[in-house]
PDB file of N, CA and C in Angstrom:
ATOM      1  N   MET A   1     104.990  90.788  80.614  1.00  0.00           N
ATOM      2  CA  MET A   1     104.050  91.811  80.973  1.00  0.00           C
ATOM      3  C   MET A   1     104.807  92.988  81.557  1.00  0.00           C
ATOM      4  N   ARG A   2     104.160  94.139  81.442  1.00  0.00           N
ATOM      5  CA  ARG A   2     104.764  95.343  82.004  1.00  0.00           C
ATOM      6  C   ARG A   2     103.677  96.276  82.520  1.00  0.00           C
ATOM      7  N   VAL A   3     104.093  97.282  83.259  1.00  0.00           N
ATOM      8  CA  VAL A   3     103.163  98.239  83.837  1.00  0.00           C
ATOM      9  C   VAL A   3     103.355  99.598  83.173  1.00  0.00           C
ATOM     10  N   ILE A   4     102.237 100.229  82.859  1.00  0.00           N
ATOM     11  CA  ILE A   4     102.254 101.603  82.370  1.00  0.00           C
ATOM     12  C   ILE A   4     101.642 102.470  83.457  1.00  0.00           C
ATOM     13  N   ALA A   5     102.331 103.547  83.811  1.00  0.00           N
ATOM     14  CA  ALA A   5     101.844 104.472  84.831  1.00  0.00           C
ATOM     15  C   ALA A   5     101.418 105.775  84.169  1.00  0.00           C
ATOM     16  N   ASN A   6     100.222 106.235  84.502  1.00  0.00           N
ATOM     17  CA  ASN A   6      99.727 107.524  84.023  1.00  0.00           C
ATOM     18  C   ASN A   6     100.065 108.561  85.088  1.00  0.00           C
ATOM     19  N   LEU A   7     101.147 109.287  84.851  1.00  0.00           N
ATOM     20  CA  LEU A   7     101.616 110.260  85.831  1.00  0.00           C
ATOM     21  C   LEU A   7     100.722 111.482  85.927  1.00  0.00           C
ATOM     22  N   ASP A   8      99.867 111.684  84.933  1.00  0.00           N
ATOM     23  CA  ASP A   8      98.935 112.811  84.980  1.00  0.00           C
ATOM     24  C   ASP A   8      97.872 112.621  86.060  1.00  0.00           C
ATOM     25  N   ILE A   9      97.554 111.365  86.374  1.00  0.00           N
ATOM     26  CA  ILE A   9      96.524 111.136  87.395  1.00  0.00           C
ATOM     27  C   ILE A   9      97.075 110.568  88.704  1.00  0.00           C
ATOM     28  N   CYS A  10      98.338 110.174  88.725  1.00  0.00           N
ATOM     29  CA  CYS A  10      98.961 109.681  89.953  1.00  0.00           C
ATOM     30  C   CYS A  10      98.988 110.819  90.989  1.00  0.00           C
ATOM     31  N   GLN A  11      98.531 110.510  92.199  1.00  0.00           N
ATOM     32  CA  GLN A  11      98.518 111.499  93.278  1.00  0.00           C
ATOM     33  C   GLN A  11      99.596 111.244  94.334  1.00  0.00           C
ATOM     34  N   GLY A  12     100.401 110.219  94.122  1.00  0.00           N
ATOM     35  CA  GLY A  12     101.526 109.965  95.014  1.00  0.00           C
ATOM     36  C   GLY A  12     101.163 109.359  96.361  1.00  0.00           C
ATOM     37  N   HIS A  13     100.110 108.565  96.418  1.00  0.00           N
ATOM     38  CA  HIS A  13      99.757 107.890  97.672  1.00  0.00           C
ATOM     39  C   HIS A  13     100.795 106.845  98.061  1.00  0.00           C
ATOM     40  N   ALA A  14     101.544 106.344  97.099  1.00  0.00           N
ATOM     41  CA  ALA A  14     102.610 105.347  97.293  1.00  0.00           C
ATOM     42  C   ALA A  14     102.084 103.997  97.759  1.00  0.00           C
ATOM     43  N   ARG A  15     100.817 103.737  97.543  1.00  0.00           N
ATOM     44  CA  ARG A  15     100.272 102.415  97.881  1.00  0.00           C
ATOM     45  C   ARG A  15     100.982 101.346  97.049  1.00  0.00           C
ATOM     46  N   CYS A  16     101.309 101.674  95.799  1.00  0.00           N
ATOM     47  CA  CYS A  16     102.007 100.725  94.923  1.00  0.00           C
ATOM     48  C   CYS A  16     103.364 100.328  95.508  1.00  0.00           C
ATOM     49  N   GLU A  17     104.082 101.304  96.000  1.00  0.00           N
ATOM     50  CA  GLU A  17     105.385 101.015  96.605  1.00  0.00           C
ATOM     51  C   GLU A  17     105.227 100.190  97.881  1.00  0.00           C
ATOM     52  N   ASP A  18     104.202 100.481  98.655  1.00  0.00           N
ATOM     53  CA  ASP A  18     103.949  99.708  99.874  1.00  0.00           C
ATOM     54  C   ASP A  18     103.626  98.251  99.560  1.00  0.00           C
ATOM     55  N   LEU A  19     102.820  98.030  98.502  1.00  0.00           N
ATOM     56  CA  LEU A  19     102.384  96.679  98.159  1.00  0.00           C
ATOM     57  C   LEU A  19     103.427  95.871  97.398  1.00  0.00           C
ATOM     58  N   CYS A  20     104.224  96.552  96.565  1.00  0.00           N
ATOM     59  CA  CYS A  20     105.175  95.820  95.715  1.00  0.00           C
ATOM     60  C   CYS A  20     106.445  96.649  95.484  1.00  0.00           C
ATOM     61  N   PRO A  21     107.276  96.785  96.505  1.00  0.00           N
ATOM     62  CA  PRO A  21     108.491  97.589  96.370  1.00  0.00           C
ATOM     63  C   PRO A  21     109.519  96.998  95.403  1.00  0.00           C
ATOM     64  N   GLU A  22     109.326  95.739  95.012  1.00  0.00           N
ATOM     65  CA  GLU A  22     110.232  95.130  94.031  1.00  0.00           C
ATOM     66  C   GLU A  22     110.052  95.753  92.654  1.00  0.00           C
ATOM     67  N   VAL A  23     108.888  96.358  92.407  1.00  0.00           N
ATOM     68  CA  VAL A  23     108.577  96.903  91.077  1.00  0.00           C
ATOM     69  C   VAL A  23     108.363  98.419  91.112  1.00  0.00           C
ATOM     70  N   PHE A  24     107.812  98.936  92.220  1.00  0.00           N
ATOM     71  CA  PHE A  24     107.436 100.347  92.278  1.00  0.00           C
ATOM     72  C   PHE A  24     108.219 101.111  93.334  1.00  0.00           C
ATOM     73  N   SER A  25     108.492 102.372  93.018  1.00  0.00           N
ATOM     74  CA  SER A  25     109.050 103.293  94.000  1.00  0.00           C
ATOM     75  C   SER A  25     108.378 104.642  93.775  1.00  0.00           C
ATOM     76  N   THR A  26     108.765 105.614  94.572  1.00  0.00           N
ATOM     77  CA  THR A  26     108.193 106.947  94.461  1.00  0.00           C
ATOM     78  C   THR A  26     109.303 107.934  94.166  1.00  0.00           C
ATOM     79  N   ASP A  27     109.086 108.770  93.178  1.00  0.00           N
ATOM     80  CA  ASP A  27     110.056 109.801  92.825  1.00  0.00           C
ATOM     81  C   ASP A  27     110.169 110.779  94.002  1.00  0.00           C
ATOM     82  N   PRO A  28     111.373 111.012  94.512  1.00  0.00           N
ATOM     83  CA  PRO A  28     111.522 111.860  95.696  1.00  0.00           C
ATOM     84  C   PRO A  28     111.195 113.339  95.450  1.00  0.00           C
ATOM     85  N   ILE A  29     111.248 113.768  94.215  1.00  0.00           N
ATOM     86  CA  ILE A  29     110.968 115.182  93.902  1.00  0.00           C
ATOM     87  C   ILE A  29     109.508 115.381  93.522  1.00  0.00           C
ATOM     88  N   GLU A  30     109.027 114.597  92.568  1.00  0.00           N
ATOM     89  CA  GLU A  30     107.647 114.728  92.091  1.00  0.00           C
ATOM     90  C   GLU A  30     106.637 114.041  93.006  1.00  0.00           C
ATOM     91  N   GLY A  31     107.089 113.029  93.744  1.00  0.00           N
ATOM     92  CA  GLY A  31     106.197 112.289  94.621  1.00  0.00           C
ATOM     93  C   GLY A  31     105.260 111.352  93.891  1.00  0.00           C
ATOM     94  N   LYS A  32     105.606 110.994  92.671  1.00  0.00           N
ATOM     95  CA  LYS A  32     104.761 110.115  91.863  1.00  0.00           C
ATOM     96  C   LYS A  32     105.444 108.770  91.648  1.00  0.00           C
ATOM     97  N   VAL A  33     104.654 107.824  91.160  1.00  0.00           N
ATOM     98  CA  VAL A  33     105.132 106.459  90.972  1.00  0.00           C
ATOM     99  C   VAL A  33     106.277 106.389  89.962  1.00  0.00           C
ATOM    100  N   VAL A  34     107.210 105.482  90.236  1.00  0.00           N
ATOM    101  CA  VAL A  34     108.265 105.125  89.306  1.00  0.00           C
ATOM    102  C   VAL A  34     108.193 103.605  89.147  1.00  0.00           C
ATOM    103  N   VAL A  35     108.062 103.149  87.907  1.00  0.00           N
ATOM    104  CA  VAL A  35     108.091 101.713  87.629  1.00  0.00           C
ATOM    105  C   VAL A  35     109.554 101.357  87.407  1.00  0.00           C
ATOM    106  N   GLN A  36     110.085 100.497  88.261  1.00  0.00           N
ATOM    107  CA  GLN A  36     111.521 100.217  88.280  1.00  0.00           C
ATOM    108  C   GLN A  36     111.981  99.139  87.312  1.00  0.00           C
ATOM    109  N   VAL A  37     111.052  98.389  86.722  1.00  0.00           N
ATOM    110  CA  VAL A  37     111.430  97.297  85.825  1.00  0.00           C
ATOM    111  C   VAL A  37     110.682  97.427  84.506  1.00  0.00           C
ATOM    112  N   ASP A  38     111.316  96.991  83.423  1.00  0.00           N
ATOM    113  CA  ASP A  38     110.658  97.005  82.118  1.00  0.00           C
ATOM    114  C   ASP A  38     109.681  95.852  81.978  1.00  0.00           C
ATOM    115  N   GLU A  39     110.118  94.671  82.358  1.00  0.00           N
ATOM    116  CA  GLU A  39     109.287  93.466  82.283  1.00  0.00           C
ATOM    117  C   GLU A  39     109.053  92.938  83.689  1.00  0.00           C
ATOM    118  N   ILE A  40     107.800  92.622  83.992  1.00  0.00           N
ATOM    119  CA  ILE A  40     107.461  92.093  85.304  1.00  0.00           C
ATOM    120  C   ILE A  40     107.899  90.631  85.376  1.00  0.00           C
ATOM    121  N   PRO A  41     108.723  90.267  86.359  1.00  0.00           N
ATOM    122  CA  PRO A  41     109.104  88.856  86.508  1.00  0.00           C
ATOM    123  C   PRO A  41     107.869  87.994  86.785  1.00  0.00           C
ATOM    124  N   ASP A  42     107.872  86.787  86.262  1.00  0.00           N
ATOM    125  CA  ASP A  42     106.726  85.891  86.410  1.00  0.00           C
ATOM    126  C   ASP A  42     106.306  85.699  87.868  1.00  0.00           C
ATOM    127  N   ASP A  43     107.266  85.640  88.761  1.00  0.00           N
ATOM    128  CA  ASP A  43     106.938  85.398  90.167  1.00  0.00           C
ATOM    129  C   ASP A  43     106.293  86.608  90.853  1.00  0.00           C
ATOM    130  N   LEU A  44     106.255  87.757  90.171  1.00  0.00           N
ATOM    131  CA  LEU A  44     105.640  88.954  90.753  1.00  0.00           C
ATOM    132  C   LEU A  44     104.342  89.379  90.059  1.00  0.00           C
ATOM    133  N   ILE A  45     103.931  88.642  89.035  1.00  0.00           N
ATOM    134  CA  ILE A  45     102.746  89.035  88.252  1.00  0.00           C
ATOM    135  C   ILE A  45     101.512  89.190  89.143  1.00  0.00           C
ATOM    136  N   GLU A  46     101.226  88.232  89.993  1.00  0.00           N
ATOM    137  CA  GLU A  46     100.024  88.318  90.831  1.00  0.00           C
ATOM    138  C   GLU A  46     100.120  89.467  91.825  1.00  0.00           C
ATOM    139  N   LYS A  47     101.296  89.699  92.353  1.00  0.00           N
ATOM    140  CA  LYS A  47     101.498  90.807  93.286  1.00  0.00           C
ATOM    141  C   LYS A  47     101.290  92.143  92.577  1.00  0.00           C
ATOM    142  N   VAL A  48     101.763  92.248  91.345  1.00  0.00           N
ATOM    143  CA  VAL A  48     101.577  93.473  90.560  1.00  0.00           C
ATOM    144  C   VAL A  48     100.102  93.647  90.196  1.00  0.00           C
ATOM    145  N   ARG A  49      99.414  92.575  89.860  1.00  0.00           N
ATOM    146  CA  ARG A  49      97.972  92.675  89.576  1.00  0.00           C
ATOM    147  C   ARG A  49      97.220  93.242  90.776  1.00  0.00           C
ATOM    148  N   LEU A  50      97.537  92.752  91.952  1.00  0.00           N
ATOM    149  CA  LEU A  50      96.924  93.258  93.176  1.00  0.00           C
ATOM    150  C   LEU A  50      97.232  94.745  93.351  1.00  0.00           C
ATOM    151  N   THR A  51      98.458  95.112  93.099  1.00  0.00           N
ATOM    152  CA  THR A  51      98.875  96.505  93.238  1.00  0.00           C
ATOM    153  C   THR A  51      98.134  97.400  92.257  1.00  0.00           C
ATOM    154  N   VAL A  52      98.020  96.986  91.011  1.00  0.00           N
ATOM    155  CA  VAL A  52      97.300  97.766  89.994  1.00  0.00           C
ATOM    156  C   VAL A  52      95.842  97.966  90.430  1.00  0.00           C
ATOM    157  N   ARG A  53      95.216  96.922  90.922  1.00  0.00           N
ATOM    158  CA  ARG A  53      93.814  97.022  91.374  1.00  0.00           C
ATOM    159  C   ARG A  53      93.653  97.947  92.573  1.00  0.00           C
ATOM    160  N   ASN A  54      94.706  98.120  93.350  1.00  0.00           N
ATOM    161  CA  ASN A  54      94.621  98.927  94.565  1.00  0.00           C
ATOM    162  C   ASN A  54      95.073 100.369  94.404  1.00  0.00           C
ATOM    163  N   CYS A  55      95.407 100.789  93.211  1.00  0.00           N
ATOM    164  CA  CYS A  55      95.774 102.193  92.988  1.00  0.00           C
ATOM    165  C   CYS A  55      94.510 103.048  93.129  1.00  0.00           C
ATOM    166  N   PRO A  56      94.484 104.006  94.072  1.00  0.00           N
ATOM    167  CA  PRO A  56      93.276 104.806  94.303  1.00  0.00           C
ATOM    168  C   PRO A  56      92.794 105.581  93.076  1.00  0.00           C
ATOM    169  N   GLU A  57      93.706 106.018  92.240  1.00  0.00           N
ATOM    170  CA  GLU A  57      93.329 106.793  91.053  1.00  0.00           C
ATOM    171  C   GLU A  57      93.228 105.952  89.783  1.00  0.00           C
ATOM    172  N   GLY A  58      93.630 104.694  89.848  1.00  0.00           N
ATOM    173  CA  GLY A  58      93.650 103.872  88.644  1.00  0.00           C
ATOM    174  C   GLY A  58      94.742 104.318  87.682  1.00  0.00           C
ATOM    175  N   ALA A  59      95.858 104.768  88.232  1.00  0.00           N
ATOM    176  CA  ALA A  59      96.954 105.304  87.428  1.00  0.00           C
ATOM    177  C   ALA A  59      97.877 104.224  86.847  1.00  0.00           C
ATOM    178  N   LEU A  60      97.647 102.979  87.224  1.00  0.00           N
ATOM    179  CA  LEU A  60      98.503 101.882  86.757  1.00  0.00           C
ATOM    180  C   LEU A  60      97.726 100.944  85.860  1.00  0.00           C
ATOM    181  N   ARG A  61      98.417 100.454  84.825  1.00  0.00           N
ATOM    182  CA  ARG A  61      97.785  99.513  83.899  1.00  0.00           C
ATOM    183  C   ARG A  61      98.799  98.432  83.571  1.00  0.00           C
ATOM    184  N   LEU A  62      98.364  97.183  83.630  1.00  0.00           N
ATOM    185  CA  LEU A  62      99.193  96.034  83.285  1.00  0.00           C
ATOM    186  C   LEU A  62      98.921  95.667  81.842  1.00  0.00           C
ATOM    187  N   VAL A  63      99.974  95.567  81.039  1.00  0.00           N
ATOM    188  CA  VAL A  63      99.818  95.265  79.614  1.00  0.00           C
ATOM    189  C   VAL A  63     100.777  94.145  79.216  1.00  0.00           C
ATOM    190  N   LYS A  64     100.421  93.472  78.128  1.00  0.00           N
ATOM    191  CA  LYS A  64     101.282  92.424  77.572  1.00  0.00           C
ATOM    192  C   LYS A  64     102.239  93.032  76.569  1.00  0.00           C
ATOM    193  N   GLY A  65     103.467  92.535  76.551  1.00  0.00           N
ATOM    194  CA  GLY A  65     104.445  92.933  75.551  1.00  0.00           C
ATOM    195  C   GLY A  65     104.692  94.420  75.502  1.00  0.00           C
ATOM    196  N   ASN A  66     104.733  94.971  74.274  1.00  0.00           N
ATOM    197  CA  ASN A  66     105.058  96.381  74.071  1.00  0.00           C
ATOM    198  C   ASN A  66     103.831  97.254  73.868  1.00  0.00           C
ATOM    199  N   ALA A  67     102.653  96.781  74.235  1.00  0.00           N
ATOM    200  CA  ALA A  67     101.429  97.569  74.060  1.00  0.00           C
ATOM    201  C   ALA A  67     101.505  98.862  74.845  1.00  0.00           C
ATOM    202  N   GLN A  68     100.885  99.870  74.321  1.00  0.00           N
ATOM    203  CA  GLN A  68     100.832 101.169  74.977  1.00  0.00           C
ATOM    204  C   GLN A  68      99.501 101.310  75.602  1.00  0.00           C
TER     205      GLN A  68
END
């Protein structure tokens, strides 16, 4: 599984980074989400699901494989 971030709607609250810093960070210039891994490790899937649900703008989406 992997995460797709919609940077057009990300407002840079950084809740994703607070909840799951193993996968998310914030771009220091743009102030928007950066997904740090291509594939979510199995042991972080539930944590990432929680993070996706808690994005205020709904800018994150969890997908299987190479889906867009």
